[in-house]
Every structure is written in C-alpha cells, then in structure tokens.
Amino acid sequence: MVDFVDFLPTLADLAKTYLPQNSSDGISFYRQLFGVDDSVRHWSYCYYNPYIPAFSNLRRWVQDTTYKLYDNGNFINMKLDKNETHPINAGRLTTEEVTIKNHFQYLLDSLPTR
C-alpha cells in the first residue's frame, strides 16, 4: 500500500538525501520500486475537505487493501462491494472484522482533522 504522504520520503531516498525532522509522516516505498516487497504500510488515512455536497458525509476514512471505515460509521468490504454502496451491518461482522473496524475507529479518533 502506498499513500500520498509516502512520495516525499521516497523521493528523498531516490535523491539520497535526508528529510528534515517532522517534515512528513510518510514511509518510503523506494525499495519496492526495485522489486523488494517490504509492504511497510498496512493502512492509510485520508481526509477529504468536501466542496461537493454529495460527499459531505464522507470526509475522513481509514482503509487497508480490503476494508474501509468512514467517519460516518460506514464499514465497507471493498473487495466484495467495489462501488461502496452496501456498508456491512454491525450485527453481521465476523470477529476479525470487528477487530479491524475497532482498530480503524481508534485511528480515526486519534488522527487529526485538517
């Protein structure tokens, strides 16, 4: 997984230079460009400042390669629901999904709103 914030650290690695401290919370994917499968990022966080009213309730989310949790509580299995139109009912979550959703909620609660 690669997140937008990972590009600056990756470019710094490519240029063989250092980033100033606290300049980015990204993770370099430099080694992955050359076939080393490090898979260092397990989830990503996105903040969307909506200018389009249709997206006003989908402002922040955490996701991995399978699941996405929006700040409005919608929990989606993106592999089974590519259009994200059917959030998983809380009563139908597996034990593993409950763990993932709780972790994502913790991340949403602890990460900044910009």
N, C-alpha and C. Protein backbone atom coordinates (compact mmCIF):
# COMPACT_ATOMS: atom_id res chain seq x y z
N MET A 1 0.83 -1.18 0.00
CA MET A 1 0.00 0.00 0.00
C MET A 1 0.88 1.24 0.00
N VAL A 2 0.48 2.20 -0.78
CA VAL A 2 1.20 3.47 -0.85
C VAL A 2 0.19 4.59 -0.62
N ASP A 3 0.57 5.55 0.18
CA ASP A 3 -0.26 6.71 0.47
C ASP A 3 0.44 7.95 -0.10
N PHE A 4 -0.32 8.99 -0.35
CA PHE A 4 0.25 10.21 -0.93
C PHE A 4 1.43 10.74 -0.12
N VAL A 5 1.34 10.67 1.21
CA VAL A 5 2.42 11.19 2.07
C VAL A 5 3.71 10.38 1.94
N ASP A 6 3.66 9.24 1.26
CA ASP A 6 4.85 8.41 1.09
C ASP A 6 5.76 8.89 -0.04
N PHE A 7 5.27 9.79 -0.88
CA PHE A 7 6.07 10.22 -2.03
C PHE A 7 7.28 11.05 -1.63
N LEU A 8 7.14 11.98 -0.69
CA LEU A 8 8.28 12.82 -0.29
C LEU A 8 9.42 11.97 0.29
N PRO A 9 9.17 11.08 1.24
CA PRO A 9 10.26 10.24 1.74
C PRO A 9 10.88 9.35 0.65
N THR A 10 10.06 8.89 -0.29
CA THR A 10 10.57 8.07 -1.38
C THR A 10 11.48 8.88 -2.29
N LEU A 11 11.06 10.09 -2.63
CA LEU A 11 11.91 10.96 -3.46
C LEU A 11 13.21 11.31 -2.75
N ALA A 12 13.14 11.51 -1.45
CA ALA A 12 14.36 11.78 -0.68
C ALA A 12 15.30 10.57 -0.74
N ASP A 13 14.75 9.36 -0.63
CA ASP A 13 15.57 8.15 -0.76
C ASP A 13 16.20 8.07 -2.14
N LEU A 14 15.41 8.33 -3.16
CA LEU A 14 15.94 8.29 -4.53
C LEU A 14 17.06 9.30 -4.73
N ALA A 15 16.92 10.47 -4.10
CA ALA A 15 17.93 11.52 -4.23
C ALA A 15 19.09 11.33 -3.25
N LYS A 16 18.98 10.31 -2.42
CA LYS A 16 19.99 10.02 -1.39
C LYS A 16 20.23 11.23 -0.50
N THR A 17 19.13 11.81 -0.04
CA THR A 17 19.18 12.94 0.87
C THR A 17 18.27 12.65 2.06
N TYR A 18 18.36 13.51 3.05
CA TYR A 18 17.56 13.32 4.26
C TYR A 18 16.45 14.34 4.31
N LEU A 19 15.35 13.94 4.93
CA LEU A 19 14.24 14.86 5.17
C LEU A 19 14.46 15.57 6.50
N PRO A 20 14.06 16.82 6.60
CA PRO A 20 14.10 17.46 7.92
C PRO A 20 13.18 16.70 8.88
N GLN A 21 13.54 16.70 10.15
CA GLN A 21 12.72 16.02 11.15
C GLN A 21 11.30 16.57 11.12
N ASN A 22 10.33 15.70 11.32
CA ASN A 22 8.91 16.05 11.37
C ASN A 22 8.39 16.70 10.10
N SER A 23 9.04 16.47 8.96
CA SER A 23 8.57 17.05 7.71
C SER A 23 7.52 16.18 7.03
N SER A 24 7.46 14.90 7.40
CA SER A 24 6.50 14.00 6.77
C SER A 24 6.30 12.79 7.65
N ASP A 25 5.07 12.30 7.68
CA ASP A 25 4.82 11.04 8.38
C ASP A 25 4.71 9.89 7.40
N GLY A 26 5.19 10.13 6.19
CA GLY A 26 5.16 9.10 5.15
C GLY A 26 6.26 8.07 5.33
N ILE A 27 6.13 7.00 4.57
CA ILE A 27 7.08 5.89 4.60
C ILE A 27 7.59 5.69 3.17
N SER A 28 8.90 5.62 3.02
CA SER A 28 9.48 5.45 1.70
C SER A 28 9.12 4.08 1.11
N PHE A 29 8.73 4.09 -0.16
CA PHE A 29 8.50 2.84 -0.87
C PHE A 29 9.59 2.62 -1.93
N TYR A 30 10.73 3.25 -1.71
CA TYR A 30 11.88 3.18 -2.61
C TYR A 30 12.25 1.74 -2.95
N ARG A 31 12.38 0.89 -1.94
CA ARG A 31 12.83 -0.49 -2.18
C ARG A 31 11.80 -1.27 -3.00
N GLN A 32 10.53 -0.95 -2.86
CA GLN A 32 9.50 -1.63 -3.64
C GLN A 32 9.63 -1.32 -5.13
N LEU A 33 10.16 -0.13 -5.46
CA LEU A 33 10.36 0.23 -6.85
C LEU A 33 11.35 -0.70 -7.55
N PHE A 34 12.20 -1.34 -6.75
CA PHE A 34 13.23 -2.21 -7.30
C PHE A 34 12.99 -3.68 -6.96
N GLY A 35 11.72 -4.00 -6.70
CA GLY A 35 11.34 -5.40 -6.53
C GLY A 35 11.44 -5.97 -5.15
N VAL A 36 11.82 -5.17 -4.15
CA VAL A 36 11.87 -5.67 -2.78
C VAL A 36 10.49 -5.45 -2.17
N ASP A 37 9.81 -6.52 -1.84
CA ASP A 37 8.45 -6.43 -1.32
C ASP A 37 8.49 -6.25 0.19
N ASP A 38 8.52 -5.01 0.62
CA ASP A 38 8.58 -4.69 2.04
C ASP A 38 7.19 -4.58 2.69
N SER A 39 6.20 -4.17 1.92
CA SER A 39 4.84 -3.99 2.44
C SER A 39 4.83 -3.34 3.83
N VAL A 40 5.38 -2.15 3.92
CA VAL A 40 5.52 -1.50 5.22
C VAL A 40 4.25 -0.79 5.68
N ARG A 41 3.39 -0.40 4.76
CA ARG A 41 2.16 0.30 5.15
C ARG A 41 1.01 -0.70 5.14
N HIS A 42 0.32 -0.76 6.29
CA HIS A 42 -0.79 -1.70 6.42
C HIS A 42 -2.14 -1.00 6.29
N TRP A 43 -2.16 0.31 6.44
CA TRP A 43 -3.39 1.08 6.33
C TRP A 43 -3.03 2.49 5.89
N SER A 44 -4.03 3.20 5.39
CA SER A 44 -3.83 4.61 5.06
C SER A 44 -5.02 5.40 5.57
N TYR A 45 -4.77 6.67 5.78
CA TYR A 45 -5.76 7.60 6.31
C TYR A 45 -5.97 8.69 5.27
N CYS A 46 -7.20 9.04 5.04
CA CYS A 46 -7.49 10.11 4.10
C CYS A 46 -8.46 11.10 4.71
N TYR A 47 -8.15 12.35 4.50
CA TYR A 47 -9.04 13.43 4.91
C TYR A 47 -9.45 14.15 3.64
N TYR A 48 -10.74 14.28 3.45
CA TYR A 48 -11.27 14.95 2.28
C TYR A 48 -12.10 16.13 2.74
N ASN A 49 -11.72 17.32 2.32
CA ASN A 49 -12.48 18.51 2.66
C ASN A 49 -13.48 18.73 1.54
N PRO A 50 -14.71 18.32 1.76
CA PRO A 50 -15.67 18.28 0.65
C PRO A 50 -16.13 19.66 0.17
N TYR A 51 -16.04 19.85 -1.11
CA TYR A 51 -16.60 21.03 -1.75
C TYR A 51 -17.84 20.65 -2.55
N ILE A 52 -18.03 19.34 -2.73
CA ILE A 52 -19.18 18.84 -3.47
C ILE A 52 -20.18 18.30 -2.44
N PRO A 53 -21.38 18.86 -2.37
CA PRO A 53 -22.33 18.45 -1.33
C PRO A 53 -22.61 16.95 -1.27
N ALA A 54 -22.55 16.25 -2.38
CA ALA A 54 -22.84 14.81 -2.38
C ALA A 54 -21.87 14.03 -1.50
N PHE A 55 -20.70 14.58 -1.23
CA PHE A 55 -19.70 13.88 -0.42
C PHE A 55 -19.57 14.45 0.99
N SER A 56 -20.51 15.26 1.41
CA SER A 56 -20.37 15.96 2.68
C SER A 56 -20.33 15.02 3.89
N ASN A 57 -20.87 13.81 3.78
CA ASN A 57 -20.82 12.90 4.93
C ASN A 57 -19.67 11.90 4.84
N LEU A 58 -18.82 12.01 3.85
CA LEU A 58 -17.69 11.09 3.69
C LEU A 58 -16.40 11.91 3.70
N ARG A 59 -16.03 12.41 4.87
CA ARG A 59 -14.92 13.33 4.95
C ARG A 59 -13.59 12.69 5.30
N ARG A 60 -13.61 11.67 6.13
CA ARG A 60 -12.37 11.03 6.57
C ARG A 60 -12.58 9.53 6.55
N TRP A 61 -11.49 8.81 6.27
CA TRP A 61 -11.59 7.36 6.33
C TRP A 61 -10.22 6.75 6.54
N VAL A 62 -10.24 5.52 7.02
CA VAL A 62 -9.05 4.68 7.16
C VAL A 62 -9.35 3.43 6.34
N GLN A 63 -8.32 2.95 5.64
CA GLN A 63 -8.54 1.75 4.84
C GLN A 63 -7.28 0.92 4.77
N ASP A 64 -7.50 -0.36 4.48
CA ASP A 64 -6.41 -1.24 4.10
C ASP A 64 -6.75 -1.76 2.71
N THR A 65 -6.21 -2.87 2.30
CA THR A 65 -6.47 -3.34 0.94
C THR A 65 -7.84 -4.00 0.79
N THR A 66 -8.52 -4.26 1.90
CA THR A 66 -9.83 -4.91 1.85
C THR A 66 -10.95 -4.04 2.43
N TYR A 67 -10.71 -3.42 3.59
CA TYR A 67 -11.76 -2.73 4.31
C TYR A 67 -11.53 -1.22 4.35
N LYS A 68 -12.64 -0.49 4.47
CA LYS A 68 -12.59 0.96 4.62
C LYS A 68 -13.64 1.36 5.66
N LEU A 69 -13.24 2.22 6.60
CA LEU A 69 -14.17 2.76 7.60
C LEU A 69 -14.23 4.26 7.44
N TYR A 70 -15.42 4.77 7.12
CA TYR A 70 -15.64 6.21 7.02
C TYR A 70 -15.98 6.78 8.38
N ASP A 71 -15.75 8.08 8.52
CA ASP A 71 -16.06 8.73 9.80
C ASP A 71 -17.55 8.79 10.10
N ASN A 72 -18.40 8.46 9.14
CA ASN A 72 -19.83 8.40 9.41
C ASN A 72 -20.25 7.01 9.88
N GLY A 73 -19.29 6.10 10.06
CA GLY A 73 -19.55 4.76 10.56
C GLY A 73 -19.69 3.69 9.50
N ASN A 74 -19.78 4.07 8.23
CA ASN A 74 -19.90 3.07 7.17
C ASN A 74 -18.62 2.25 7.09
N PHE A 75 -18.77 0.94 7.21
CA PHE A 75 -17.66 -0.01 7.15
C PHE A 75 -17.89 -0.87 5.92
N ILE A 76 -16.96 -0.82 4.98
CA ILE A 76 -17.12 -1.41 3.66
C ILE A 76 -16.07 -2.49 3.42
N ASN A 77 -16.48 -3.60 2.82
CA ASN A 77 -15.54 -4.58 2.29
C ASN A 77 -15.39 -4.22 0.81
N MET A 78 -14.29 -3.57 0.46
CA MET A 78 -14.10 -3.05 -0.90
C MET A 78 -13.92 -4.16 -1.94
N LYS A 79 -13.50 -5.34 -1.52
CA LYS A 79 -13.35 -6.44 -2.47
C LYS A 79 -14.71 -7.00 -2.88
N LEU A 80 -15.66 -6.99 -1.95
CA LEU A 80 -16.99 -7.51 -2.24
C LEU A 80 -17.95 -6.42 -2.72
N ASP A 81 -17.65 -5.17 -2.40
CA ASP A 81 -18.54 -4.05 -2.72
C ASP A 81 -17.72 -2.93 -3.34
N LYS A 82 -17.35 -3.12 -4.59
CA LYS A 82 -16.45 -2.18 -5.27
C LYS A 82 -17.04 -0.77 -5.40
N ASN A 83 -18.35 -0.65 -5.46
CA ASN A 83 -18.99 0.67 -5.56
C ASN A 83 -19.28 1.28 -4.19
N GLU A 84 -18.96 0.55 -3.14
CA GLU A 84 -19.15 1.01 -1.76
C GLU A 84 -20.58 1.48 -1.49
N THR A 85 -21.52 0.69 -1.92
CA THR A 85 -22.93 1.05 -1.75
C THR A 85 -23.63 0.27 -0.64
N HIS A 86 -22.96 -0.74 -0.09
CA HIS A 86 -23.58 -1.59 0.93
C HIS A 86 -22.65 -1.75 2.14
N PRO A 87 -22.70 -0.80 3.08
CA PRO A 87 -21.90 -0.97 4.30
C PRO A 87 -22.28 -2.27 5.02
N ILE A 88 -21.31 -2.85 5.69
CA ILE A 88 -21.55 -4.09 6.42
C ILE A 88 -22.36 -3.77 7.67
N ASN A 89 -23.45 -4.49 7.88
CA ASN A 89 -24.27 -4.33 9.06
C ASN A 89 -23.46 -4.77 10.28
N ALA A 90 -23.47 -3.97 11.34
CA ALA A 90 -22.66 -4.26 12.53
C ALA A 90 -22.97 -5.64 13.10
N GLY A 91 -24.21 -6.08 12.99
CA GLY A 91 -24.59 -7.39 13.51
C GLY A 91 -24.10 -8.56 12.68
N ARG A 92 -23.56 -8.29 11.50
CA ARG A 92 -23.09 -9.36 10.62
C ARG A 92 -21.57 -9.41 10.52
N LEU A 93 -20.87 -8.61 11.32
CA LEU A 93 -19.40 -8.60 11.28
C LEU A 93 -18.83 -9.87 11.88
N THR A 94 -17.79 -10.40 11.25
CA THR A 94 -17.07 -11.53 11.83
C THR A 94 -16.20 -10.99 12.97
N THR A 95 -15.66 -11.88 13.77
CA THR A 95 -14.77 -11.47 14.86
C THR A 95 -13.57 -10.69 14.31
N GLU A 96 -13.03 -11.16 13.20
CA GLU A 96 -11.89 -10.47 12.58
C GLU A 96 -12.30 -9.07 12.10
N GLU A 97 -13.48 -8.96 11.51
CA GLU A 97 -13.95 -7.66 11.03
C GLU A 97 -14.20 -6.69 12.19
N VAL A 98 -14.70 -7.19 13.31
CA VAL A 98 -14.89 -6.34 14.49
C VAL A 98 -13.54 -5.78 14.95
N THR A 99 -12.53 -6.62 14.97
CA THR A 99 -11.19 -6.19 15.37
C THR A 99 -10.66 -5.13 14.42
N ILE A 100 -10.82 -5.35 13.12
CA ILE A 100 -10.35 -4.38 12.13
C ILE A 100 -11.11 -3.06 12.26
N LYS A 101 -12.42 -3.15 12.37
CA LYS A 101 -13.24 -1.94 12.49
C LYS A 101 -12.87 -1.16 13.75
N ASN A 102 -12.68 -1.84 14.86
CA ASN A 102 -12.29 -1.17 16.11
C ASN A 102 -10.94 -0.48 15.97
N HIS A 103 -10.00 -1.15 15.30
CA HIS A 103 -8.68 -0.55 15.09
C HIS A 103 -8.80 0.68 14.20
N PHE A 104 -9.57 0.58 13.13
CA PHE A 104 -9.77 1.72 12.24
C PHE A 104 -10.46 2.88 12.99
N GLN A 105 -11.42 2.55 13.85
CA GLN A 105 -12.09 3.61 14.62
C GLN A 105 -11.11 4.29 15.55
N TYR A 106 -10.24 3.50 16.19
CA TYR A 106 -9.20 4.08 17.05
C TYR A 106 -8.33 5.04 16.24
N LEU A 107 -7.95 4.64 15.03
CA LEU A 107 -7.13 5.51 14.19
C LEU A 107 -7.88 6.78 13.82
N LEU A 108 -9.13 6.67 13.42
CA LEU A 108 -9.92 7.85 13.10
C LEU A 108 -10.03 8.80 14.29
N ASP A 109 -10.19 8.23 15.46
CA ASP A 109 -10.33 9.06 16.67
C ASP A 109 -9.02 9.74 17.05
N SER A 110 -7.89 9.13 16.67
CA SER A 110 -6.60 9.67 17.10
C SER A 110 -5.89 10.52 16.05
N LEU A 111 -6.32 10.43 14.80
CA LEU A 111 -5.66 11.19 13.74
C LEU A 111 -6.33 12.55 13.54
N PRO A 112 -5.55 13.54 13.12
CA PRO A 112 -6.08 14.91 13.06
C PRO A 112 -7.09 15.11 11.95
N THR A 113 -7.97 16.05 12.19
CA THR A 113 -8.81 16.57 11.13
C THR A 113 -8.16 17.87 10.71
N ARG A 114 -7.88 18.00 9.47
CA ARG A 114 -7.11 19.14 9.00
C ARG A 114 -7.98 20.33 8.72
